[in-house]
Amino acid sequence: MSGRRPRPQPASRRPHPPAGDAPARPSVESVLQERRQPRSPVRAFLGLGSNLGDRRGYLKAAVARIPDVVAVSQLYETDPVGGPPGQGAYLNCVVELLTARTPRELLSVAQAAEAAARRVRTARWGPRTLDVDVLLVGDEVVAEPDLVVPHPRMWERGFVLVPLADLAPELVVGHLTNDIGRGIRPAGRL
């Protein structure tokens, strides 16, 4: 024996899960599949919300960044749903698009708008300068770890359904009840 000790092996380097509510990365196959198919424009809807800083300013800047917008709902003020206590009220709206973009491309648009608003992801459903959710993209259904379309909780949330009813009342029939719409306060327009 030479008297040398065996070198310790480095700890395995596993990727850490994203912090807060940061989305996971898309699969390579899902991205390639979306790029292969030519698309006709479809009606799509994004939900926007803000409860930090200049809420109206963040929403206005986000709408300006989003391509293919054809309509914007009224603004509504709502109390936070879930998340840490002590958050301020949200301003929410829904934008309607006529777009040939895929759900994944719309997720990228949403994340770019959030980044431009300097959104910091710390706690799930925590306060934020801007939150942009892909709600509906035509009749498409997507079920991936970082993207689910239709949005999985949209039918339970008055802050989504009330502004969506401004743009597409036919979509919320049977979903928008008095209980779900309670506490949603009109707050003007952008």
C-alpha atoms as a PDB file:
ATOM      1  CA  MET A   1       0.000   0.000   0.000  1.00  0.00           C
ATOM      2  CA  SER A   2       1.241   3.441  -0.789  1.00  0.00           C
ATOM      3  CA  GLY A   3      -0.387   5.089   2.189  1.00  0.00           C
ATOM      4  CA  ARG A   4      -2.651   7.154  -0.009  1.00  0.00           C
ATOM      5  CA  ARG A   5      -6.223   7.553   1.038  1.00  0.00           C
ATOM      6  CA  PRO A   6      -8.947   7.079  -1.519  1.00  0.00           C
ATOM      7  CA  ARG A   7     -10.336  10.370  -2.743  1.00  0.00           C
ATOM      8  CA  PRO A   8     -13.889  11.074  -1.642  1.00  0.00           C
ATOM      9  CA  GLN A   9     -16.428  10.941  -4.444  1.00  0.00           C
ATOM     10  CA  PRO A  10     -18.245  14.210  -5.148  1.00  0.00           C
ATOM     11  CA  ALA A  11     -21.875  14.366  -4.111  1.00  0.00           C
ATOM     12  CA  SER A  12     -24.253  13.667  -6.942  1.00  0.00           C
ATOM     13  CA  ARG A  13     -25.487  16.762  -8.698  1.00  0.00           C
ATOM     14  CA  ARG A  14     -29.178  16.322  -9.240  1.00  0.00           C
ATOM     15  CA  PRO A  15     -31.129  19.230 -10.621  1.00  0.00           C
ATOM     16  CA  HIS A  16     -33.050  21.065  -7.957  1.00  0.00           C
ATOM     17  CA  PRO A  17     -36.777  21.590  -8.432  1.00  0.00           C
ATOM     18  CA  PRO A  18     -37.744  25.129  -9.379  1.00  0.00           C
ATOM     19  CA  ALA A  19     -38.237  27.561  -6.508  1.00  0.00           C
ATOM     20  CA  GLY A  20     -41.713  28.834  -5.686  1.00  0.00           C
ATOM     21  CA  ASP A  21     -44.105  28.386  -8.573  1.00  0.00           C
ATOM     22  CA  ALA A  22     -41.495  28.526 -11.355  1.00  0.00           C
ATOM     23  CA  PRO A  23     -42.514  26.376 -14.306  1.00  0.00           C
ATOM     24  CA  ALA A  24     -40.608  23.244 -15.250  1.00  0.00           C
ATOM     25  CA  ARG A  25     -38.854  23.017 -18.617  1.00  0.00           C
ATOM     26  CA  PRO A  26     -40.859  21.655 -21.579  1.00  0.00           C
ATOM     27  CA  SER A  27     -39.940  18.312 -23.044  1.00  0.00           C
ATOM     28  CA  VAL A  28     -37.883  18.399 -26.235  1.00  0.00           C
ATOM     29  CA  GLU A  29     -40.480  16.235 -27.959  1.00  0.00           C
ATOM     30  CA  SER A  30     -43.331  18.648 -27.147  1.00  0.00           C
ATOM     31  CA  VAL A  31     -41.389  21.604 -28.552  1.00  0.00           C
ATOM     32  CA  LEU A  32     -40.458  19.743 -31.752  1.00  0.00           C
ATOM     33  CA  GLN A  33     -44.009  18.505 -32.268  1.00  0.00           C
ATOM     34  CA  GLU A  34     -45.372  22.040 -32.090  1.00  0.00           C
ATOM     35  CA  ARG A  35     -42.812  23.327 -34.611  1.00  0.00           C
ATOM     36  CA  ARG A  36     -43.708  20.686 -37.228  1.00  0.00           C
ATOM     37  CA  GLN A  37     -47.313  21.641 -37.783  1.00  0.00           C
ATOM     38  CA  PRO A  38     -48.525  24.754 -39.649  1.00  0.00           C
ATOM     39  CA  ARG A  39     -51.308  26.430 -37.728  1.00  0.00           C
ATOM     40  CA  SER A  40     -54.398  28.447 -38.544  1.00  0.00           C
ATOM     41  CA  PRO A  41     -55.247  31.305 -36.192  1.00  0.00           C
ATOM     42  CA  VAL A  42     -57.471  30.358 -33.273  1.00  0.00           C
ATOM     43  CA  ARG A  43     -59.179  32.252 -30.505  1.00  0.00           C
ATOM     44  CA  ALA A  44     -57.086  32.173 -27.321  1.00  0.00           C
ATOM     45  CA  PHE A  45     -57.369  33.762 -23.891  1.00  0.00           C
ATOM     46  CA  LEU A  46     -54.748  34.804 -21.334  1.00  0.00           C
ATOM     47  CA  GLY A  47     -55.497  35.785 -17.740  1.00  0.00           C
ATOM     48  CA  LEU A  48     -53.466  38.625 -16.203  1.00  0.00           C
ATOM     49  CA  GLY A  49     -53.182  39.714 -12.589  1.00  0.00           C
ATOM     50  CA  SER A  50     -51.061  42.010 -10.432  1.00  0.00           C
ATOM     51  CA  ASN A  51     -51.034  42.832  -6.718  1.00  0.00           C
ATOM     52  CA  LEU A  52     -47.699  44.605  -6.218  1.00  0.00           C
ATOM     53  CA  GLY A  53     -46.573  48.099  -7.122  1.00  0.00           C
ATOM     54  CA  ASP A  54     -48.238  49.915 -10.021  1.00  0.00           C
ATOM     55  CA  ARG A  55     -50.762  47.161 -10.719  1.00  0.00           C
ATOM     56  CA  ARG A  56     -52.523  48.993 -13.555  1.00  0.00           C
ATOM     57  CA  GLY A  57     -49.174  49.963 -15.115  1.00  0.00           C
ATOM     58  CA  TYR A  58     -47.897  46.376 -15.052  1.00  0.00           C
ATOM     59  CA  LEU A  59     -51.094  45.119 -16.686  1.00  0.00           C
ATOM     60  CA  LYS A  60     -51.036  47.861 -19.336  1.00  0.00           C
ATOM     61  CA  ALA A  61     -47.392  47.144 -20.214  1.00  0.00           C
ATOM     62  CA  ALA A  62     -48.089  43.402 -20.393  1.00  0.00           C
ATOM     63  CA  VAL A  63     -51.027  43.844 -22.773  1.00  0.00           C
ATOM     64  CA  ALA A  64     -48.817  46.008 -24.990  1.00  0.00           C
ATOM     65  CA  ARG A  65     -46.178  43.220 -25.104  1.00  0.00           C
ATOM     66  CA  ILE A  66     -48.608  40.431 -26.007  1.00  0.00           C
ATOM     67  CA  PRO A  67     -48.979  39.865 -29.759  1.00  0.00           C
ATOM     68  CA  ASP A  68     -52.272  39.199 -31.543  1.00  0.00           C
ATOM     69  CA  VAL A  69     -54.531  40.875 -28.946  1.00  0.00           C
ATOM     70  CA  VAL A  70     -58.015  41.616 -30.312  1.00  0.00           C
ATOM     71  CA  ALA A  71     -59.838  42.532 -27.066  1.00  0.00           C
ATOM     72  CA  VAL A  72     -59.235  43.270 -23.380  1.00  0.00           C
ATOM     73  CA  SER A  73     -61.827  42.784 -20.645  1.00  0.00           C
ATOM     74  CA  GLN A  74     -62.605  45.321 -17.975  1.00  0.00           C
ATOM     75  CA  LEU A  75     -60.352  45.360 -14.943  1.00  0.00           C
ATOM     76  CA  TYR A  76     -61.592  43.712 -11.761  1.00  0.00           C
ATOM     77  CA  GLU A  77     -60.233  43.978  -8.245  1.00  0.00           C
ATOM     78  CA  THR A  78     -60.243  40.801  -6.175  1.00  0.00           C
ATOM     79  CA  ASP A  79     -58.964  39.539  -2.881  1.00  0.00           C
ATOM     80  CA  PRO A  80     -56.077  37.047  -3.128  1.00  0.00           C
ATOM     81  CA  VAL A  81     -56.940  33.363  -3.424  1.00  0.00           C
ATOM     82  CA  GLY A  82     -54.534  31.046  -1.599  1.00  0.00           C
ATOM     83  CA  GLY A  83     -50.938  31.921  -0.911  1.00  0.00           C
ATOM     84  CA  PRO A  84     -49.388  33.647   2.089  1.00  0.00           C
ATOM     85  CA  PRO A  85     -51.598  35.894   4.257  1.00  0.00           C
ATOM     86  CA  GLY A  86     -51.347  39.669   4.158  1.00  0.00           C
ATOM     87  CA  GLN A  87     -51.241  40.134   0.377  1.00  0.00           C
ATOM     88  CA  GLY A  88     -52.852  43.134  -1.252  1.00  0.00           C
ATOM     89  CA  ALA A  89     -55.816  42.965  -3.610  1.00  0.00           C
ATOM     90  CA  TYR A  90     -55.270  41.957  -7.229  1.00  0.00           C
ATOM     91  CA  LEU A  91     -56.229  43.744 -10.404  1.00  0.00           C
ATOM     92  CA  ASN A  92     -57.220  41.148 -12.997  1.00  0.00           C
ATOM     93  CA  CYS A  93     -58.235  41.090 -16.628  1.00  0.00           C
ATOM     94  CA  VAL A  94     -58.433  38.667 -19.541  1.00  0.00           C
ATOM     95  CA  VAL A  95     -57.101  39.322 -23.037  1.00  0.00           C
ATOM     96  CA  GLU A  96     -58.445  37.679 -26.164  1.00  0.00           C
ATOM     97  CA  LEU A  97     -56.082  36.790 -29.002  1.00  0.00           C
ATOM     98  CA  LEU A  98     -56.550  35.643 -32.566  1.00  0.00           C
ATOM     99  CA  THR A  99     -53.298  33.769 -32.986  1.00  0.00           C
ATOM    100  CA  ALA A 100     -51.489  31.004 -34.816  1.00  0.00           C
ATOM    101  CA  ARG A 101     -49.103  30.612 -31.875  1.00  0.00           C
ATOM    102  CA  THR A 102     -48.986  27.291 -30.082  1.00  0.00           C
ATOM    103  CA  PRO A 103     -49.832  26.966 -26.391  1.00  0.00           C
ATOM    104  CA  ARG A 104     -46.093  26.576 -25.692  1.00  0.00           C
ATOM    105  CA  GLU A 105     -45.316  29.769 -27.646  1.00  0.00           C
ATOM    106  CA  LEU A 106     -48.027  31.581 -25.676  1.00  0.00           C
ATOM    107  CA  LEU A 107     -46.457  30.312 -22.454  1.00  0.00           C
ATOM    108  CA  SER A 108     -43.166  31.866 -23.610  1.00  0.00           C
ATOM    109  CA  VAL A 109     -44.979  35.149 -24.341  1.00  0.00           C
ATOM    110  CA  ALA A 110     -46.521  35.023 -20.836  1.00  0.00           C
ATOM    111  CA  GLN A 111     -43.171  34.331 -19.176  1.00  0.00           C
ATOM    112  CA  ALA A 112     -41.486  37.155 -21.143  1.00  0.00           C
ATOM    113  CA  ALA A 113     -44.172  39.601 -19.969  1.00  0.00           C
ATOM    114  CA  GLU A 114     -43.667  38.446 -16.366  1.00  0.00           C
ATOM    115  CA  ALA A 115     -39.888  38.827 -16.694  1.00  0.00           C
ATOM    116  CA  ALA A 116     -40.313  42.352 -18.100  1.00  0.00           C
ATOM    117  CA  ALA A 117     -42.357  43.178 -14.988  1.00  0.00           C
ATOM    118  CA  ARG A 118     -39.502  41.791 -12.851  1.00  0.00           C
ATOM    119  CA  ARG A 119     -41.663  39.088 -11.348  1.00  0.00           C
ATOM    120  CA  VAL A 120     -39.889  37.187  -8.580  1.00  0.00           C
ATOM    121  CA  ARG A 121     -41.070  33.676  -7.812  1.00  0.00           C
ATOM    122  CA  THR A 122     -40.682  32.958  -4.126  1.00  0.00           C
ATOM    123  CA  ALA A 123     -43.871  31.411  -2.746  1.00  0.00           C
ATOM    124  CA  ARG A 124     -46.600  29.539  -4.565  1.00  0.00           C
ATOM    125  CA  TRP A 125     -49.497  31.959  -5.143  1.00  0.00           C
ATOM    126  CA  GLY A 126     -47.472  34.679  -3.459  1.00  0.00           C
ATOM    127  CA  PRO A 127     -47.666  38.389  -4.258  1.00  0.00           C
ATOM    128  CA  ARG A 128     -46.455  39.349  -7.717  1.00  0.00           C
ATOM    129  CA  THR A 129     -45.973  42.274 -10.004  1.00  0.00           C
ATOM    130  CA  LEU A 130     -47.493  40.273 -12.847  1.00  0.00           C
ATOM    131  CA  ASP A 131     -48.992  36.861 -13.384  1.00  0.00           C
ATOM    132  CA  VAL A 132     -49.957  35.753 -16.903  1.00  0.00           C
ATOM    133  CA  ASP A 133     -51.730  32.419 -17.383  1.00  0.00           C
ATOM    134  CA  VAL A 134     -52.574  30.653 -20.637  1.00  0.00           C
ATOM    135  CA  LEU A 135     -56.277  29.896 -20.183  1.00  0.00           C
ATOM    136  CA  LEU A 136     -57.558  28.574 -23.509  1.00  0.00           C
ATOM    137  CA  VAL A 137     -56.061  28.122 -26.984  1.00  0.00           C
ATOM    138  CA  GLY A 138     -58.832  27.175 -29.404  1.00  0.00           C
ATOM    139  CA  ASP A 139     -59.989  23.647 -28.587  1.00  0.00           C
ATOM    140  CA  GLU A 140     -56.482  22.438 -27.760  1.00  0.00           C
ATOM    141  CA  VAL A 141     -55.784  20.280 -24.752  1.00  0.00           C
ATOM    142  CA  VAL A 142     -52.261  20.180 -23.307  1.00  0.00           C
ATOM    143  CA  ALA A 143     -51.258  18.197 -20.218  1.00  0.00           C
ATOM    144  CA  GLU A 144     -47.546  18.621 -19.514  1.00  0.00           C
ATOM    145  CA  PRO A 145     -45.706  19.260 -16.241  1.00  0.00           C
ATOM    146  CA  ASP A 146     -45.273  22.978 -16.952  1.00  0.00           C
ATOM    147  CA  LEU A 147     -48.329  23.673 -19.135  1.00  0.00           C
ATOM    148  CA  VAL A 148     -51.939  22.584 -18.807  1.00  0.00           C
ATOM    149  CA  VAL A 149     -54.530  23.953 -21.241  1.00  0.00           C
ATOM    150  CA  PRO A 150     -57.353  24.620 -20.552  1.00  0.00           C
ATOM    151  CA  HIS A 151     -55.971  26.122 -17.351  1.00  0.00           C
ATOM    152  CA  PRO A 152     -56.750  23.559 -14.637  1.00  0.00           C
ATOM    153  CA  ARG A 153     -58.337  25.946 -12.121  1.00  0.00           C
ATOM    154  CA  MET A 154     -59.938  28.555 -14.372  1.00  0.00           C
ATOM    155  CA  TRP A 155     -63.486  27.207 -13.976  1.00  0.00           C
ATOM    156  CA  GLU A 156     -63.224  27.632 -10.173  1.00  0.00           C
ATOM    157  CA  ARG A 157     -61.950  31.216 -10.157  1.00  0.00           C
ATOM    158  CA  GLY A 158     -64.220  34.222 -10.321  1.00  0.00           C
ATOM    159  CA  PHE A 159     -61.266  36.494 -11.069  1.00  0.00           C
ATOM    160  CA  VAL A 160     -60.889  34.576 -14.346  1.00  0.00           C
ATOM    161  CA  LEU A 161     -64.520  33.830 -15.214  1.00  0.00           C
ATOM    162  CA  VAL A 162     -65.937  37.327 -14.670  1.00  0.00           C
ATOM    163  CA  PRO A 163     -63.479  39.062 -17.050  1.00  0.00           C
ATOM    164  CA  LEU A 164     -63.690  36.103 -19.467  1.00  0.00           C
ATOM    165  CA  ALA A 165     -67.472  36.644 -19.562  1.00  0.00           C
ATOM    166  CA  ASP A 166     -66.838  40.200 -20.829  1.00  0.00           C
ATOM    167  CA  LEU A 167     -65.147  38.749 -23.928  1.00  0.00           C
ATOM    168  CA  ALA A 168     -66.732  35.320 -24.400  1.00  0.00           C
ATOM    169  CA  PRO A 169     -69.945  34.909 -22.396  1.00  0.00           C
ATOM    170  CA  GLU A 170     -70.740  31.700 -24.279  1.00  0.00           C
ATOM    171  CA  LEU A 171     -67.670  30.036 -22.736  1.00  0.00           C
ATOM    172  CA  VAL A 172     -68.667  30.597 -19.112  1.00  0.00           C
ATOM    173  CA  VAL A 173     -72.302  29.470 -19.303  1.00  0.00           C
ATOM    174  CA  GLY A 174     -72.831  26.965 -16.511  1.00  0.00           C
ATOM    175  CA  HIS A 175     -69.502  27.841 -14.877  1.00  0.00           C
ATOM    176  CA  LEU A 176     -70.016  31.418 -13.675  1.00  0.00           C
ATOM    177  CA  THR A 177     -72.320  31.225 -10.668  1.00  0.00           C
ATOM    178  CA  ASN A 178     -73.250  33.877  -8.116  1.00  0.00           C
ATOM    179  CA  ASP A 179     -70.972  32.185  -5.570  1.00  0.00           C
ATOM    180  CA  ILE A 180     -67.949  32.182  -7.903  1.00  0.00           C
ATOM    181  CA  GLY A 181     -68.558  35.803  -8.954  1.00  0.00           C
ATOM    182  CA  ARG A 182     -68.944  37.074  -5.368  1.00  0.00           C
ATOM    183  CA  GLY A 183     -66.348  39.636  -4.290  1.00  0.00           C
ATOM    184  CA  ILE A 184     -65.222  40.518  -7.830  1.00  0.00           C
ATOM    185  CA  ARG A 185     -65.286  44.336  -8.010  1.00  0.00           C
ATOM    186  CA  PRO A 186     -65.276  46.304 -11.307  1.00  0.00           C
ATOM    187  CA  ALA A 187     -62.205  48.582 -11.486  1.00  0.00           C
ATOM    188  CA  GLY A 188     -62.524  50.345 -14.842  1.00  0.00           C
ATOM    189  CA  ARG A 189     -60.533  49.758 -18.010  1.00  0.00           C
ATOM    190  CA  LEU A 190     -56.854  49.809 -18.979  1.00  0.00           C
END
